[in-house]
Amino acid sequence: MTQPEILYEDAQLIVCYKPAGIATQTKKLGQKDMVSILSNHIAQEGTGQPFIGVVHRLDQPVEGVMVFAKTKQAAAKLSAQVKDHSFGKKYYAKVRLPEGKTFEQATGHEKTGTLQDWIQFEPKENKSCVIEQKQRENEREDIRHPADGKRLQLQKPRHTATSQNKIQEAVLDYQVIRQGEGSALLDITLHTGRHHQIRVQLAHLGTPICGDHKYGKAERGTPALCSYHIDFVHPVSGKEMTYEISPRNFETEC
């Protein structure tokens, strides 16, 4: 298994590459996760009692660049950026196309667009699905589009975040970068970080991620999904931080 790689570190945070197959954080005894690996790294430096704050997550089978906080203060400030949608996250997703069809023909969508769906989480199956949500409250969530600053007005469903099978709005922008016979590569900007969101929405569109056996009925493998870009403001210096990587588990050519 590929090991994590630290891309940047200071007294406040650690930016690193999370390989596919390693959980961000797990309760399973004896299973290594990013929190335990980074905690051991700090402990070996002998700089005191390790603290690793989880700011955002990646699914265990998904690779990508992540940031973890090294102090409670940094964790609070970075988490606030995630909550107010100023924390930037971009992904590459390689999707499977029906035989003989382009992305536009398979989905009825343009090469560039926005997907907005209602997602319901099923905890017993650790799986989510797109549903038709008819009962909605008038309360809205305000999200600004990172490209033009315009507001995306998202209605919140009647079900609250404390419901066991919670229903939430899921929004992402996509752009088809290239496509060939049987597959297409998408560049995705994530606006809401819902459970398995990208995997669920693309499968619902009829173009599941290659290698995704949970949502794409593929043989067991690794989903061709990579969080290749994050950007945020440093919690102490206020400096704009941007990090990008290239996928290591799949070829971006189609």
C-alpha atoms as a PDB file:
ATOM      1  CA  MET A   1       0.000   0.000   0.000  1.00  0.00           C
ATOM      2  CA  THR A   2       1.230   3.497  -0.854  1.00  0.00           C
ATOM      3  CA  GLN A   3       2.214   5.495   2.214  1.00  0.00           C
ATOM      4  CA  PRO A   4       1.069   9.029   3.090  1.00  0.00           C
ATOM      5  CA  GLU A   5       3.360  11.857   2.021  1.00  0.00           C
ATOM      6  CA  ILE A   6       3.732  15.177   3.833  1.00  0.00           C
ATOM      7  CA  LEU A   7       3.680  18.090   1.396  1.00  0.00           C
ATOM      8  CA  TYR A   8       3.919  20.939   3.913  1.00  0.00           C
ATOM      9  CA  GLU A   9       4.125  21.274   7.682  1.00  0.00           C
ATOM     10  CA  ASP A  10       4.427  24.066  10.219  1.00  0.00           C
ATOM     11  CA  ALA A  11       3.439  24.578  13.851  1.00  0.00           C
ATOM     12  CA  GLN A  12      -0.261  24.944  12.949  1.00  0.00           C
ATOM     13  CA  LEU A  13      -1.033  22.371  10.266  1.00  0.00           C
ATOM     14  CA  ILE A  14       0.048  19.501   8.040  1.00  0.00           C
ATOM     15  CA  VAL A  15      -0.797  19.225   4.333  1.00  0.00           C
ATOM     16  CA  CYS A  16      -0.388  15.693   3.025  1.00  0.00           C
ATOM     17  CA  TYR A  17      -1.259  13.141   0.376  1.00  0.00           C
ATOM     18  CA  LYS A  18      -3.726  10.478   1.579  1.00  0.00           C
ATOM     19  CA  PRO A  19      -3.404   7.253  -0.387  1.00  0.00           C
ATOM     20  CA  ALA A  20      -6.433   5.215  -1.395  1.00  0.00           C
ATOM     21  CA  GLY A  21      -7.177   2.480   1.131  1.00  0.00           C
ATOM     22  CA  ILE A  22      -6.301   4.451   4.268  1.00  0.00           C
ATOM     23  CA  ALA A  23      -9.175   5.917   6.275  1.00  0.00           C
ATOM     24  CA  THR A  24      -9.132   9.532   7.381  1.00  0.00           C
ATOM     25  CA  GLN A  25     -10.163   8.413  10.866  1.00  0.00           C
ATOM     26  CA  THR A  26     -11.517   5.081  12.044  1.00  0.00           C
ATOM     27  CA  LYS A  27     -12.740   3.455  15.251  1.00  0.00           C
ATOM     28  CA  LYS A  28     -11.577   0.001  14.138  1.00  0.00           C
ATOM     29  CA  LEU A  29      -8.953  -1.297  16.557  1.00  0.00           C
ATOM     30  CA  GLY A  30      -5.588  -2.052  15.028  1.00  0.00           C
ATOM     31  CA  GLN A  31      -6.333  -0.305  11.723  1.00  0.00           C
ATOM     32  CA  LYS A  32      -4.052   2.557  10.798  1.00  0.00           C
ATOM     33  CA  ASP A  33      -5.674   5.787   9.716  1.00  0.00           C
ATOM     34  CA  MET A  34      -4.384   9.242   8.811  1.00  0.00           C
ATOM     35  CA  VAL A  35      -4.884  10.559  12.343  1.00  0.00           C
ATOM     36  CA  SER A  36      -2.811   7.805  13.951  1.00  0.00           C
ATOM     37  CA  ILE A  37      -0.107   7.967  11.271  1.00  0.00           C
ATOM     38  CA  LEU A  38       0.300  11.738  11.633  1.00  0.00           C
ATOM     39  CA  SER A  39       0.124  11.533  15.431  1.00  0.00           C
ATOM     40  CA  ASN A  40       3.012   9.052  15.381  1.00  0.00           C
ATOM     41  CA  HIS A  41       4.921  11.367  13.055  1.00  0.00           C
ATOM     42  CA  ILE A  42       4.563  14.272  15.499  1.00  0.00           C
ATOM     43  CA  ALA A  43       5.417  12.062  18.487  1.00  0.00           C
ATOM     44  CA  GLN A  44       8.672  11.009  16.822  1.00  0.00           C
ATOM     45  CA  GLU A  45       9.639  14.663  16.506  1.00  0.00           C
ATOM     46  CA  GLY A  46       9.421  14.959  20.290  1.00  0.00           C
ATOM     47  CA  THR A  47       7.605  18.286  20.195  1.00  0.00           C
ATOM     48  CA  GLY A  48       5.046  17.440  22.857  1.00  0.00           C
ATOM     49  CA  GLN A  49       1.677  15.711  23.088  1.00  0.00           C
ATOM     50  CA  PRO A  50       0.433  15.175  19.512  1.00  0.00           C
ATOM     51  CA  PHE A  51      -2.822  16.796  18.432  1.00  0.00           C
ATOM     52  CA  ILE A  52      -4.312  16.087  15.030  1.00  0.00           C
ATOM     53  CA  GLY A  53      -7.552  17.873  14.181  1.00  0.00           C
ATOM     54  CA  VAL A  54      -9.688  16.495  11.343  1.00  0.00           C
ATOM     55  CA  VAL A  55     -10.827  19.441   9.214  1.00  0.00           C
ATOM     56  CA  HIS A  56     -12.335  17.556   6.250  1.00  0.00           C
ATOM     57  CA  ARG A  57     -12.526  13.937   5.142  1.00  0.00           C
ATOM     58  CA  LEU A  58     -11.948  11.684   2.157  1.00  0.00           C
ATOM     59  CA  ASP A  59     -13.602   8.301   1.676  1.00  0.00           C
ATOM     60  CA  GLN A  60     -11.240   5.450   2.535  1.00  0.00           C
ATOM     61  CA  PRO A  61     -10.915   4.203  -1.099  1.00  0.00           C
ATOM     62  CA  VAL A  62     -10.314   7.737  -2.429  1.00  0.00           C
ATOM     63  CA  GLU A  63      -6.867   9.329  -2.751  1.00  0.00           C
ATOM     64  CA  GLY A  64      -6.096  12.991  -2.462  1.00  0.00           C
ATOM     65  CA  VAL A  65      -4.541  16.025  -0.818  1.00  0.00           C
ATOM     66  CA  MET A  66      -5.713  16.907   2.700  1.00  0.00           C
ATOM     67  CA  VAL A  67      -4.949  19.345   5.513  1.00  0.00           C
ATOM     68  CA  PHE A  68      -4.956  18.475   9.228  1.00  0.00           C
ATOM     69  CA  ALA A  69      -4.665  20.918  12.123  1.00  0.00           C
ATOM     70  CA  LYS A  70      -1.948  20.588  14.769  1.00  0.00           C
ATOM     71  CA  THR A  71      -3.654  22.838  17.342  1.00  0.00           C
ATOM     72  CA  LYS A  72      -7.238  23.229  18.513  1.00  0.00           C
ATOM     73  CA  GLN A  73      -7.214  26.886  17.471  1.00  0.00           C
ATOM     74  CA  ALA A  74      -6.097  26.032  13.938  1.00  0.00           C
ATOM     75  CA  ALA A  75      -8.706  23.259  13.756  1.00  0.00           C
ATOM     76  CA  ALA A  76     -11.483  25.693  14.695  1.00  0.00           C
ATOM     77  CA  LYS A  77     -10.449  28.287  12.098  1.00  0.00           C
ATOM     78  CA  LEU A  78      -9.987  25.768   9.292  1.00  0.00           C
ATOM     79  CA  SER A  79     -13.280  24.052  10.142  1.00  0.00           C
ATOM     80  CA  ALA A  80     -15.006  27.441   9.967  1.00  0.00           C
ATOM     81  CA  GLN A  81     -13.718  27.848   6.400  1.00  0.00           C
ATOM     82  CA  VAL A  82     -15.144  24.459   5.473  1.00  0.00           C
ATOM     83  CA  LYS A  83     -18.469  25.401   7.031  1.00  0.00           C
ATOM     84  CA  ASP A  84     -18.761  28.744   5.211  1.00  0.00           C
ATOM     85  CA  HIS A  85     -17.687  27.153   1.895  1.00  0.00           C
ATOM     86  CA  SER A  86     -14.524  29.246   1.491  1.00  0.00           C
ATOM     87  CA  PHE A  87     -12.382  26.091   1.657  1.00  0.00           C
ATOM     88  CA  GLY A  88     -11.777  25.060  -1.977  1.00  0.00           C
ATOM     89  CA  LYS A  89     -11.897  21.395  -3.062  1.00  0.00           C
ATOM     90  CA  LYS A  90     -11.467  20.059  -6.591  1.00  0.00           C
ATOM     91  CA  TYR A  91     -11.491  16.485  -7.840  1.00  0.00           C
ATOM     92  CA  TYR A  92     -10.685  14.470 -10.936  1.00  0.00           C
ATOM     93  CA  ALA A  93     -13.239  11.725 -11.621  1.00  0.00           C
ATOM     94  CA  LYS A  94     -12.966   9.207 -14.427  1.00  0.00           C
ATOM     95  CA  VAL A  95     -16.448   7.926 -15.260  1.00  0.00           C
ATOM     96  CA  ARG A  96     -17.746   5.028 -17.300  1.00  0.00           C
ATOM     97  CA  LEU A  97     -19.817   5.835 -20.396  1.00  0.00           C
ATOM     98  CA  PRO A  98     -22.373   3.518 -22.029  1.00  0.00           C
ATOM     99  CA  GLU A  99     -21.002   1.834 -25.128  1.00  0.00           C
ATOM    100  CA  GLY A 100     -21.000   4.097 -28.164  1.00  0.00           C
ATOM    101  CA  LYS A 101     -22.186   7.204 -26.308  1.00  0.00           C
ATOM    102  CA  THR A 102     -20.603  10.510 -25.376  1.00  0.00           C
ATOM    103  CA  PHE A 103     -21.103  12.110 -21.969  1.00  0.00           C
ATOM    104  CA  GLU A 104     -23.705  14.467 -23.438  1.00  0.00           C
ATOM    105  CA  GLN A 105     -25.620  11.618 -25.093  1.00  0.00           C
ATOM    106  CA  ALA A 106     -25.493   9.429 -21.988  1.00  0.00           C
ATOM    107  CA  THR A 107     -26.638  12.099 -19.531  1.00  0.00           C
ATOM    108  CA  GLY A 108     -28.546  14.715 -21.510  1.00  0.00           C
ATOM    109  CA  HIS A 109     -26.260  17.336 -19.931  1.00  0.00           C
ATOM    110  CA  GLU A 110     -23.759  19.754 -21.442  1.00  0.00           C
ATOM    111  CA  LYS A 111     -19.996  19.274 -21.056  1.00  0.00           C
ATOM    112  CA  THR A 112     -19.982  21.945 -18.331  1.00  0.00           C
ATOM    113  CA  GLY A 113     -22.658  22.367 -15.714  1.00  0.00           C
ATOM    114  CA  THR A 114     -23.912  22.039 -12.150  1.00  0.00           C
ATOM    115  CA  LEU A 115     -25.487  19.026 -10.445  1.00  0.00           C
ATOM    116  CA  GLN A 116     -27.960  19.701  -7.634  1.00  0.00           C
ATOM    117  CA  ASP A 117     -29.577  16.724  -5.931  1.00  0.00           C
ATOM    118  CA  TRP A 118     -31.142  15.647  -2.636  1.00  0.00           C
ATOM    119  CA  ILE A 119     -29.088  12.904  -0.989  1.00  0.00           C
ATOM    120  CA  GLN A 120     -30.266  10.559   1.741  1.00  0.00           C
ATOM    121  CA  PHE A 121     -27.783   8.689   3.922  1.00  0.00           C
ATOM    122  CA  GLU A 122     -28.516   5.091   4.959  1.00  0.00           C
ATOM    123  CA  PRO A 123     -26.292   4.385   8.004  1.00  0.00           C
ATOM    124  CA  LYS A 124     -27.006   0.636   8.151  1.00  0.00           C
ATOM    125  CA  GLU A 125     -25.598   0.180   4.663  1.00  0.00           C
ATOM    126  CA  ASN A 126     -23.067   3.032   4.918  1.00  0.00           C
ATOM    127  CA  LYS A 127     -24.459   4.181   1.597  1.00  0.00           C
ATOM    128  CA  SER A 128     -26.254   7.216   0.182  1.00  0.00           C
ATOM    129  CA  CYS A 129     -28.768   7.652  -2.615  1.00  0.00           C
ATOM    130  CA  VAL A 130     -30.375  10.468  -4.596  1.00  0.00           C
ATOM    131  CA  ILE A 131     -34.061  10.983  -3.770  1.00  0.00           C
ATOM    132  CA  GLU A 132     -36.893  13.252  -4.787  1.00  0.00           C
ATOM    133  CA  GLN A 133     -37.423  15.631  -1.868  1.00  0.00           C
ATOM    134  CA  LYS A 134     -40.883  17.178  -1.938  1.00  0.00           C
ATOM    135  CA  GLN A 135     -41.235  18.480   1.602  1.00  0.00           C
ATOM    136  CA  ARG A 136     -38.972  21.463   2.153  1.00  0.00           C
ATOM    137  CA  GLU A 137     -38.707  24.244   4.646  1.00  0.00           C
ATOM    138  CA  ASN A 138     -38.456  27.850   3.569  1.00  0.00           C
ATOM    139  CA  GLU A 139     -35.110  28.155   5.315  1.00  0.00           C
ATOM    140  CA  ARG A 140     -32.245  28.376   2.835  1.00  0.00           C
ATOM    141  CA  GLU A 141     -28.526  27.786   2.987  1.00  0.00           C
ATOM    142  CA  ASP A 142     -26.371  30.451   1.348  1.00  0.00           C
ATOM    143  CA  ILE A 143     -23.430  29.185  -0.706  1.00  0.00           C
ATOM    144  CA  ARG A 144     -21.320  31.429  -2.930  1.00  0.00           C
ATOM    145  CA  HIS A 145     -20.020  30.101  -6.221  1.00  0.00           C
ATOM    146  CA  PRO A 146     -16.197  30.385  -6.131  1.00  0.00           C
ATOM    147  CA  ALA A 147     -15.932  31.449  -9.778  1.00  0.00           C
ATOM    148  CA  ASP A 148     -18.190  34.507  -9.876  1.00  0.00           C
ATOM    149  CA  GLY A 149     -19.214  35.058  -6.256  1.00  0.00           C
ATOM    150  CA  LYS A 150     -22.902  34.605  -7.040  1.00  0.00           C
ATOM    151  CA  ARG A 151     -25.110  33.083  -4.388  1.00  0.00           C
ATOM    152  CA  LEU A 152     -26.458  29.549  -4.723  1.00  0.00           C
ATOM    153  CA  GLN A 153     -29.698  29.488  -2.749  1.00  0.00           C
ATOM    154  CA  LEU A 154     -30.207  25.990  -1.399  1.00  0.00           C
ATOM    155  CA  GLN A 155     -33.394  25.041   0.365  1.00  0.00           C
ATOM    156  CA  LYS A 156     -32.987  22.896   3.443  1.00  0.00           C
ATOM    157  CA  PRO A 157     -35.264  19.845   3.686  1.00  0.00           C
ATOM    158  CA  ARG A 158     -37.722  19.309   6.493  1.00  0.00           C
ATOM    159  CA  HIS A 159     -35.491  16.537   7.837  1.00  0.00           C
ATOM    160  CA  THR A 160     -32.784  17.993  10.056  1.00  0.00           C
ATOM    161  CA  ALA A 161     -29.110  17.073  10.228  1.00  0.00           C
ATOM    162  CA  THR A 162     -29.866  15.168  13.433  1.00  0.00           C
ATOM    163  CA  SER A 163     -32.216  12.761  11.694  1.00  0.00           C
ATOM    164  CA  GLN A 164     -30.868   9.215  11.425  1.00  0.00           C
ATOM    165  CA  ASN A 165     -31.497   9.058   7.694  1.00  0.00           C
ATOM    166  CA  LYS A 166     -30.732  12.703   7.024  1.00  0.00           C
ATOM    167  CA  ILE A 167     -31.562  14.326   3.697  1.00  0.00           C
ATOM    168  CA  GLN A 168     -29.263  17.066   2.449  1.00  0.00           C
ATOM    169  CA  GLU A 169     -28.752  19.210  -0.609  1.00  0.00           C
ATOM    170  CA  ALA A 170     -25.726  18.187  -2.693  1.00  0.00           C
ATOM    171  CA  VAL A 171     -24.149  20.622  -5.166  1.00  0.00           C
ATOM    172  CA  LEU A 172     -21.127  20.331  -7.443  1.00  0.00           C
ATOM    173  CA  ASP A 173     -19.841  21.876 -10.655  1.00  0.00           C
ATOM    174  CA  TYR A 174     -18.345  19.645 -13.342  1.00  0.00           C
ATOM    175  CA  GLN A 175     -16.462  20.046 -16.589  1.00  0.00           C
ATOM    176  CA  VAL A 176     -15.683  17.267 -19.058  1.00  0.00           C
ATOM    177  CA  ILE A 177     -11.957  17.633 -19.767  1.00  0.00           C
ATOM    178  CA  ARG A 178     -11.640  14.775 -22.229  1.00  0.00           C
ATOM    179  CA  GLN A 179     -13.533  11.686 -23.285  1.00  0.00           C
ATOM    180  CA  GLY A 180     -12.975   8.619 -25.381  1.00  0.00           C
ATOM    181  CA  GLU A 181     -14.572   5.263 -26.055  1.00  0.00           C
ATOM    182  CA  GLY A 182     -16.159   4.129 -22.814  1.00  0.00           C
ATOM    183  CA  SER A 183     -14.901   6.780 -20.389  1.00  0.00           C
ATOM    184  CA  ALA A 184     -14.662  10.502 -19.661  1.00  0.00           C
ATOM    185  CA  LEU A 185     -12.508  12.566 -17.297  1.00  0.00           C
ATOM    186  CA  LEU A 186     -14.330  15.210 -15.266  1.00  0.00           C
ATOM    187  CA  ASP A 187     -12.948  18.142 -13.298  1.00  0.00           C
ATOM    188  CA  ILE A 188     -15.230  18.687 -10.299  1.00  0.00           C
ATOM    189  CA  THR A 189     -15.563  21.607  -7.895  1.00  0.00           C
ATOM    190  CA  LEU A 190     -17.300  20.462  -4.731  1.00  0.00           C
ATOM    191  CA  HIS A 191     -19.601  22.950  -2.981  1.00  0.00           C
ATOM    192  CA  THR A 192     -21.129  20.632  -0.346  1.00  0.00           C
ATOM    193  CA  GLY A 193     -19.290  17.747   1.279  1.00  0.00           C
ATOM    194  CA  ARG A 194     -22.006  15.113   1.652  1.00  0.00           C
ATOM    195  CA  HIS A 195     -21.512  11.410   2.315  1.00  0.00           C
ATOM    196  CA  HIS A 196     -20.111   9.786  -0.866  1.00  0.00           C
ATOM    197  CA  GLN A 197     -21.489  12.810  -2.727  1.00  0.00           C
ATOM    198  CA  ILE A 198     -19.507  12.734  -5.976  1.00  0.00           C
ATOM    199  CA  ARG A 199     -19.817   8.972  -6.310  1.00  0.00           C
ATOM    200  CA  VAL A 200     -23.585   9.071  -5.704  1.00  0.00           C
ATOM    201  CA  GLN A 201     -24.381  11.992  -7.990  1.00  0.00           C
ATOM    202  CA  LEU A 202     -22.345  10.685 -10.926  1.00  0.00           C
ATOM    203  CA  ALA A 203     -23.836   7.200 -10.585  1.00  0.00           C
ATOM    204  CA  HIS A 204     -27.333   8.712 -10.505  1.00  0.00           C
ATOM    205  CA  LEU A 205     -26.458  10.573 -13.704  1.00  0.00           C
ATOM    206  CA  GLY A 206     -25.790   7.243 -15.416  1.00  0.00           C
ATOM    207  CA  THR A 207     -22.015   7.700 -15.494  1.00  0.00           C
ATOM    208  CA  PRO A 208     -20.601   5.901 -12.418  1.00  0.00           C
ATOM    209  CA  ILE A 209     -16.962   6.337 -11.466  1.00  0.00           C
ATOM    210  CA  CYS A 210     -14.699   3.683 -12.951  1.00  0.00           C
ATOM    211  CA  GLY A 211     -13.727   1.072 -10.377  1.00  0.00           C
ATOM    212  CA  ASP A 212     -16.486   2.013  -7.927  1.00  0.00           C
ATOM    213  CA  HIS A 213     -18.110  -1.288  -6.959  1.00  0.00           C
ATOM    214  CA  LYS A 214     -20.396   0.293  -4.339  1.00  0.00           C
ATOM    215  CA  TYR A 215     -22.221   2.639  -6.718  1.00  0.00           C
ATOM    216  CA  GLY A 216     -21.115   1.501 -10.161  1.00  0.00           C
ATOM    217  CA  LYS A 217     -21.542  -2.279  -9.993  1.00  0.00           C
ATOM    218  CA  ALA A 218     -17.888  -2.661 -10.920  1.00  0.00           C
ATOM    219  CA  GLU A 219     -15.660  -5.447  -9.717  1.00  0.00           C
ATOM    220  CA  ARG A 220     -13.882  -4.688  -6.474  1.00  0.00           C
ATOM    221  CA  GLY A 221     -11.240  -2.089  -7.081  1.00  0.00           C
ATOM    222  CA  THR A 222     -10.324   1.504  -6.395  1.00  0.00           C
ATOM    223  CA  PRO A 223     -12.631   4.319  -7.565  1.00  0.00           C
ATOM    224  CA  ALA A 224     -10.965   6.546 -10.163  1.00  0.00           C
ATOM    225  CA  LEU A 225     -11.519   9.610  -7.989  1.00  0.00           C
ATOM    226  CA  CYS A 226      -8.849  11.964  -6.677  1.00  0.00           C
ATOM    227  CA  SER A 227      -9.041  15.128  -4.585  1.00  0.00           C
ATOM    228  CA  TYR A 228      -6.290  16.889  -6.520  1.00  0.00           C
ATOM    229  CA  HIS A 229      -6.663  20.479  -5.238  1.00  0.00           C
ATOM    230  CA  ILE A 230      -7.350  22.268  -1.967  1.00  0.00           C
ATOM    231  CA  ASP A 231      -7.098  25.957  -1.135  1.00  0.00           C
ATOM    232  CA  PHE A 232      -7.627  27.718   2.173  1.00  0.00           C
ATOM    233  CA  VAL A 233      -6.407  30.616   4.290  1.00  0.00           C
ATOM    234  CA  HIS A 234      -3.694  29.859   6.829  1.00  0.00           C
ATOM    235  CA  PRO A 235      -5.308  30.054  10.295  1.00  0.00           C
ATOM    236  CA  VAL A 236      -2.518  32.211  11.760  1.00  0.00           C
ATOM    237  CA  SER A 237      -0.665  34.055   8.990  1.00  0.00           C
ATOM    238  CA  GLY A 238      -3.749  34.682   6.820  1.00  0.00           C
ATOM    239  CA  LYS A 239      -1.769  33.592   3.761  1.00  0.00           C
ATOM    240  CA  GLU A 240      -3.654  31.929   0.926  1.00  0.00           C
ATOM    241  CA  MET A 241      -2.529  28.305   0.671  1.00  0.00           C
ATOM    242  CA  THR A 242      -3.003  26.199  -2.481  1.00  0.00           C
ATOM    243  CA  TYR A 243      -1.881  22.608  -3.041  1.00  0.00           C
ATOM    244  CA  GLU A 244      -2.344  20.301  -6.013  1.00  0.00           C
ATOM    245  CA  ILE A 245      -1.323  16.731  -6.802  1.00  0.00           C
ATOM    246  CA  SER A 246      -1.682  14.322  -9.717  1.00  0.00           C
ATOM    247  CA  PRO A 247      -3.731  11.113  -9.415  1.00  0.00           C
ATOM    248  CA  ARG A 248      -1.588   8.065  -8.668  1.00  0.00           C
ATOM    249  CA  ASN A 249      -4.214   5.326  -8.852  1.00  0.00           C
ATOM    250  CA  PHE A 250      -5.565   5.912 -12.340  1.00  0.00           C
ATOM    251  CA  GLU A 251      -4.596   7.307 -15.722  1.00  0.00           C
ATOM    252  CA  THR A 252      -6.260  10.596 -16.635  1.00  0.00           C
ATOM    253  CA  GLU A 253      -6.183   9.735 -20.339  1.00  0.00           C
ATOM    254  CA  CYS A 254      -9.375   8.333 -21.864  1.00  0.00           C
END
